[in-house]
């Protein structure tokens, strides 16, 4: 799968970011949350990103 970065918090690639995939889906990179109280399947994860990333992508017509 190919990821194309849409928006992110920094330029070094190790910060919250929003990507579009070559499958037409979105992928997020963020801090892994473990204290959320939800049951999450082993093949999934809950991550946290700043809401501003989504707003910026929408504002800039990236998604």
Protein backbone atom coordinates (compact mmCIF):
# COMPACT_ATOMS: atom_id res chain seq x y z
CA UNK A 1 0.00 0.00 0.00
CA UNK A 2 1.24 3.47 -0.87
CA UNK A 3 0.65 6.37 1.55
CA UNK A 4 0.66 9.98 0.38
CA UNK A 5 0.90 12.53 3.15
CA UNK A 6 -1.86 15.14 3.06
CA UNK A 7 -1.16 17.12 6.23
CA UNK A 8 1.01 16.71 9.28
CA UNK A 9 2.25 18.49 12.37
CA UNK A 10 5.95 18.43 11.43
CA UNK A 11 8.23 17.59 8.55
CA UNK A 12 10.30 14.70 9.96
CA UNK A 13 7.52 12.10 9.59
CA UNK A 14 7.29 11.21 13.28
CA UNK A 15 4.33 13.42 14.19
CA UNK A 16 0.56 13.19 13.81
CA UNK A 17 -0.32 13.07 10.13
CA UNK A 18 -3.16 12.30 7.73
CA UNK A 19 -2.50 10.23 4.61
CA UNK A 20 -4.47 9.09 1.59
CA UNK A 21 -3.80 5.55 0.38
CA UNK A 22 -3.61 4.21 -3.14
CA UNK A 23 -6.82 2.32 -2.29
CA UNK A 24 -8.79 5.57 -1.88
CA UNK A 25 -8.91 5.37 1.92
CA UNK A 26 -7.45 7.55 4.66
CA UNK A 27 -4.81 6.54 7.19
CA UNK A 28 -3.78 8.42 10.32
CA UNK A 29 -0.57 8.49 12.29
CA UNK A 30 -0.81 9.53 15.88
CA UNK A 31 -0.18 8.64 19.46
CA UNK A 32 -1.37 5.18 20.46
CA UNK A 33 -4.10 5.35 23.09
CA UNK A 34 -4.36 2.52 25.58
CA UNK A 35 -6.48 3.99 28.39
CA UNK A 36 -9.67 4.60 26.40
CA UNK A 37 -11.79 1.83 27.97
CA UNK A 38 -12.90 0.40 24.63
CA UNK A 39 -12.50 -3.16 23.37
CA UNK A 40 -10.45 -2.98 20.19
CA UNK A 41 -9.62 -6.03 18.04
CA UNK A 42 -5.96 -7.06 18.04
CA UNK A 43 -5.58 -6.02 14.38
CA UNK A 44 -6.78 -2.45 15.08
CA UNK A 45 -5.55 0.47 17.18
CA UNK A 46 -6.98 3.71 18.52
CA UNK A 47 -4.77 6.72 17.85
CA UNK A 48 -5.08 10.38 18.72
CA UNK A 49 -4.48 13.24 16.31
CA UNK A 50 -5.16 16.97 16.55
CA UNK A 51 -8.58 17.86 15.11
CA UNK A 52 -6.81 20.64 13.21
CA UNK A 53 -5.30 18.04 10.85
CA UNK A 54 -8.76 17.06 9.61
CA UNK A 55 -9.94 20.68 9.39
CA UNK A 56 -6.81 21.66 7.42
CA UNK A 57 -7.29 18.78 4.97
CA UNK A 58 -10.92 19.81 4.41
CA UNK A 59 -10.09 23.55 4.18
CA UNK A 60 -7.35 22.85 1.62
CA UNK A 61 -9.67 20.54 -0.40
CA UNK A 62 -7.33 17.59 0.13
CA UNK A 63 -10.17 15.22 1.02
